[in-house]
Protein backbone atom coordinates (compact mmCIF):
# COMPACT_ATOMS: atom_id res chain seq x y z
CA MET A 1 86.94 86.19 64.81
CA SER A 2 90.34 88.76 64.79
CA GLU A 3 93.14 88.19 66.85
CA ARG A 4 93.59 90.99 69.91
CA LYS A 5 96.09 93.62 69.51
CA LEU A 6 98.19 93.27 72.43
CA GLU A 7 99.28 97.43 73.88
CA ILE A 8 101.22 96.26 77.09
CA SER A 9 103.30 93.60 77.72
CA VAL A 10 105.13 93.02 80.98
CA ARG A 11 107.95 89.96 81.44
CA GLY A 12 109.71 89.70 84.57
CA LEU A 13 108.53 93.05 86.31
CA ARG A 14 110.11 92.94 90.11
CA LYS A 15 110.82 96.24 91.94
CA ALA A 16 112.39 96.48 95.13
CA PHE A 17 112.90 98.95 97.24
CA GLY A 18 116.24 98.22 99.36
CA ASP A 19 115.43 95.78 101.04
CA ASN A 20 112.18 95.85 100.01
CA LYS A 21 110.61 93.48 97.44
CA VAL A 22 107.82 95.45 96.11
CA LEU A 23 107.27 93.23 93.16
CA ASN A 24 108.50 89.74 92.81
CA GLY A 25 108.39 88.49 89.38
CA ILE A 26 105.19 89.81 87.37
CA ASN A 27 103.66 88.64 83.79
CA PHE A 28 101.12 90.76 82.69
CA ASP A 29 99.63 91.39 78.91
CA LEU A 30 96.84 93.92 78.28
CA PHE A 31 95.20 93.40 75.09
CA ASP A 32 93.70 96.36 72.93
CA GLY A 33 89.58 96.87 74.57
CA GLU A 34 90.71 95.78 77.75
CA LYS A 35 89.61 96.96 81.42
CA VAL A 36 91.59 95.48 83.82
CA VAL A 37 90.87 96.35 87.14
CA VAL A 38 94.36 95.39 90.09
CA LEU A 39 92.65 94.07 93.36
CA GLY A 40 94.32 93.25 96.51
CA PRO A 41 95.78 94.02 100.07
CA SER A 42 97.56 97.57 100.96
CA GLY A 43 101.08 96.52 99.95
CA SER A 44 100.49 94.34 97.98
CA GLY A 45 102.34 96.46 94.87
CA LYS A 46 99.47 97.80 92.60
CA SER A 47 100.72 101.07 92.65
CA THR A 48 104.19 100.34 92.12
CA PHE A 49 102.80 97.78 89.42
CA LEU A 50 100.88 100.81 87.65
CA ARG A 51 104.02 103.06 88.05
CA CYS A 52 106.40 100.58 86.90
CA ILE A 53 104.37 100.97 83.72
CA ASN A 54 104.33 103.75 82.89
CA ARG A 55 108.06 104.31 83.94
CA LEU A 56 107.49 106.91 86.81
CA GLU A 57 109.12 104.02 88.58
CA GLU A 58 112.15 102.11 87.25
CA PRO A 59 111.78 98.25 87.33
CA SER A 60 114.54 96.26 89.24
CA GLU A 61 113.91 93.60 87.05
CA GLY A 62 112.27 92.73 83.64
CA GLU A 63 110.49 94.61 80.64
CA ILE A 64 107.45 96.32 79.73
CA PHE A 65 106.96 96.10 76.32
CA PHE A 66 103.79 99.06 74.60
CA GLU A 67 102.82 97.47 71.08
CA ASP A 68 105.83 95.61 70.72
CA THR A 69 107.78 97.88 71.41
CA LEU A 70 110.63 97.94 74.92
CA ILE A 71 109.93 100.88 76.85
CA ASP A 72 113.29 102.36 77.86
CA ASP A 73 114.73 105.87 78.35
CA LYS A 74 115.27 106.97 74.91
CA ASN A 75 111.92 106.51 74.44
CA ILE A 76 109.53 106.62 77.49
CA GLN A 77 108.53 110.48 76.64
CA GLU A 78 107.04 109.59 73.47
CA MET A 79 105.60 106.38 75.15
CA ARG A 80 103.80 109.42 78.07
CA MET A 81 102.02 110.50 75.31
CA GLU A 82 100.45 106.75 74.26
CA ILE A 83 99.63 105.80 77.92
CA GLY A 84 97.98 108.14 80.29
CA MET A 85 98.53 107.87 84.00
CA VAL A 86 95.44 109.25 86.79
CA PHE A 87 97.05 109.41 90.56
CA GLN A 88 95.46 108.94 93.54
CA HIS A 89 96.72 112.54 94.63
CA PHE A 90 95.81 114.54 91.16
CA ASN A 91 99.22 115.89 90.57
CA LEU A 92 97.41 118.50 89.29
CA ILE A 93 99.98 122.51 88.93
CA ASN A 94 99.00 124.44 91.68
CA ASN A 95 100.30 127.68 90.32
CA LEU A 96 98.71 126.73 87.19
CA THR A 97 95.20 127.53 86.26
CA VAL A 98 92.73 124.58 85.49
CA MET A 99 92.77 125.95 81.70
CA GLU A 100 96.82 125.70 81.80
CA ASN A 101 97.08 122.51 83.77
CA LEU A 102 95.17 121.20 81.06
CA THR A 103 97.03 122.81 77.72
CA LEU A 104 100.36 122.35 79.35
CA ALA A 105 101.48 119.12 77.88
CA PRO A 106 99.58 118.89 74.65
CA VAL A 107 100.36 122.39 73.37
CA LYS A 108 104.45 121.28 74.62
CA LEU A 109 104.53 118.16 73.08
CA HIS A 110 103.63 119.51 69.67
CA LYS A 111 100.54 117.32 70.00
CA PHE A 112 98.01 120.26 69.24
CA SER A 113 98.63 124.01 68.85
CA ALA A 114 97.84 126.31 71.52
CA ASP A 115 94.22 127.25 70.03
CA GLU A 116 93.33 123.83 68.97
CA ALA A 117 94.10 122.59 73.09
CA GLU A 118 92.29 125.21 74.46
CA ALA A 119 89.35 124.11 72.07
CA LYS A 120 89.62 121.14 72.94
CA ALA A 121 89.80 121.74 76.73
CA ARG A 122 86.50 123.83 77.41
CA LYS A 123 85.62 121.23 75.28
CA LEU A 124 85.54 118.63 77.86
CA LEU A 125 85.47 121.25 81.12
CA LYS A 126 82.13 121.81 79.61
CA HIS A 127 81.30 118.16 79.26
CA ILE A 128 82.23 118.16 82.72
CA GLY A 129 79.61 120.90 84.20
CA LEU A 130 83.41 122.73 85.21
CA VAL A 131 83.65 125.30 81.83
CA GLY A 132 83.16 128.31 85.11
CA LYS A 133 86.50 126.87 86.97
CA ALA A 134 89.01 127.14 83.65
CA ASP A 135 90.84 130.20 85.07
CA ALA A 136 90.44 128.97 88.42
CA PHE A 137 93.49 127.51 90.53
CA PRO A 138 93.38 124.08 91.55
CA ALA A 139 93.25 125.28 95.15
CA SER A 140 89.94 126.27 94.87
CA LEU A 141 88.74 123.12 94.06
CA SER A 142 86.87 120.35 95.41
CA GLY A 143 88.76 117.27 96.18
CA GLY A 144 86.06 115.54 93.25
CA GLN A 145 86.43 118.73 90.98
CA LYS A 146 90.25 117.74 90.91
CA GLN A 147 89.91 114.50 90.21
CA ARG A 148 88.05 115.24 87.48
CA VAL A 149 89.99 117.78 86.05
CA ALA A 150 93.31 115.38 86.26
CA ILE A 151 91.24 112.72 84.35
CA ILE A 152 89.82 115.20 81.17
CA ARG A 153 93.58 116.61 81.42
CA ALA A 154 95.72 112.41 80.51
CA LEU A 155 92.62 112.23 78.19
CA MET A 156 93.83 116.22 76.62
CA MET A 157 96.87 113.63 75.03
CA GLU A 158 94.02 111.33 73.51
CA PRO A 159 96.21 108.22 74.79
CA LYS A 160 96.10 104.28 73.58
CA VAL A 161 95.91 103.32 77.72
CA LEU A 162 95.15 105.04 80.64
CA LEU A 163 96.27 103.84 83.94
CA PHE A 164 94.12 104.82 87.48
CA ASP A 165 95.80 104.54 90.57
CA GLU A 166 93.48 104.23 93.15
CA PRO A 167 91.64 107.67 91.61
CA THR A 168 88.73 108.15 94.65
CA SER A 169 91.22 107.51 98.00
CA ALA A 170 91.23 110.62 98.52
CA LEU A 171 87.96 111.75 97.91
CA ASP A 172 85.35 112.84 100.66
CA PRO A 173 81.91 110.09 99.92
CA GLU A 174 80.30 112.71 97.84
CA SER A 175 82.63 113.37 95.38
CA ILE A 176 83.48 108.84 94.58
CA GLY A 177 79.62 108.89 93.03
CA ASP A 178 80.47 111.53 89.97
CA VAL A 179 84.01 110.54 89.48
CA LEU A 180 83.49 106.45 89.45
CA SER A 181 80.72 108.36 86.90
CA LEU A 182 83.35 110.00 84.42
CA ILE A 183 85.56 106.89 84.68
CA HIS A 184 82.19 105.59 83.59
CA GLU A 185 82.05 106.95 80.73
CA VAL A 186 85.98 106.51 80.08
CA VAL A 187 85.44 102.94 79.85
CA GLU A 188 82.17 102.59 78.06
CA GLY A 189 83.85 104.78 75.32
CA GLY A 190 85.93 101.54 74.76
CA MET A 191 89.51 103.10 76.39
CA THR A 192 92.05 100.58 77.08
CA THR A 193 92.35 101.02 80.50
CA MET A 194 94.57 99.15 83.98
CA ILE A 195 92.41 100.87 87.66
CA VAL A 196 93.97 100.10 90.86
CA THR A 197 90.63 100.30 92.99
CA HIS A 198 89.32 99.91 96.54
CA GLU A 199 85.90 100.56 95.48
CA MET A 200 84.63 96.65 95.21
CA ASN A 201 80.79 96.60 93.71
CA PHE A 202 83.02 99.17 90.79
CA ALA A 203 84.96 96.61 89.71
CA ARG A 204 82.56 94.46 90.01
CA GLU A 205 80.79 95.99 86.96
CA ILE A 206 83.10 98.11 85.30
CA ALA A 207 85.94 95.53 84.98
CA SER A 208 86.59 92.90 82.09
CA ARG A 209 89.34 91.16 84.38
CA VAL A 210 90.22 91.54 87.26
CA VAL A 211 94.00 91.36 88.29
CA PHE A 212 94.51 90.14 92.38
CA ILE A 213 98.06 91.25 93.75
CA ASP A 214 99.61 90.30 96.70
CA LYS A 215 102.96 90.36 97.77
CA GLY A 216 103.99 91.18 95.26
CA ARG A 217 102.52 88.46 92.98
CA ILE A 218 99.49 87.84 90.59
CA ILE A 219 97.95 85.11 92.13
CA GLU A 220 94.61 85.28 90.49
CA GLU A 221 92.66 86.81 87.39
CA GLY A 222 89.12 85.97 85.65
CA THR A 223 86.31 87.33 85.14
CA PRO A 224 84.16 89.77 87.79
CA SER A 225 81.48 86.48 88.12
CA GLN A 226 84.22 83.94 88.79
CA PHE A 227 86.34 86.29 90.60
CA PHE A 228 84.00 87.57 92.82
CA THR A 229 81.59 84.50 93.13
CA HIS A 230 83.84 81.87 92.62
CA PRO A 231 87.67 82.41 93.81
CA LYS A 232 89.88 79.04 92.72
CA THR A 233 92.59 80.52 95.95
CA PRO A 234 92.43 80.53 99.53
CA ARG A 235 94.47 83.60 99.55
CA VAL A 236 91.12 85.74 97.66
CA LYS A 237 88.26 84.14 99.01
CA GLU A 238 89.47 85.54 102.56
CA PHE A 239 90.79 89.22 101.03
CA LEU A 240 86.49 89.03 99.52
CA GLU A 241 85.80 88.00 103.08
CA LYS A 242 86.62 90.99 104.86
CA VAL A 243 85.79 93.34 101.43
CA LEU A 244 82.62 92.70 100.59
């Protein structure tokens, strides 16, 4: 059996906002092909954890490596081409069309020519049934449509790892299913992923590993079967009793 390839390694990660200590010493490894779902109560540090990995938040302490390379100020743009992110509130650029949102970064960062990027974007839009929205502006889209566009925008860069920060929490119930279906498709395609979510059934179905964070620390992790059926810690048992 070949050794698993380490994609992301986090060592001694701490993050504080003034006196508020959000992350309190996280050590974590993400391997190629894993689908890690990050669970925990609101305010536990889940989203901050993801944002530190992509250096959208600057860690107070600790180191984060991508494929043995320390992520720092010198290589952060290069690293973000490899570590994509999908946000809770879409983060589309409102004064650009859908097509312009999709092609801006790949062309600017010389991933593709303008023609190549547009062809790829049209193919992805067609796949999700939104090719007719290519020239529309984000304000004309529903929340579910915005989030699906945001997901394929991340895929446009062909990242090796994709981070999802509560991708359905800002959506109406009718839109959630469409977005989860697209995420499921991305994950089943082999993308290495980390997903912060409150969708417990989705987490149970899609994860290869579940990580539970509380008060800025990882206090339990395991397979979905272990985590949901035989939790090891009283804190996780208490959490599951409230959310299931």
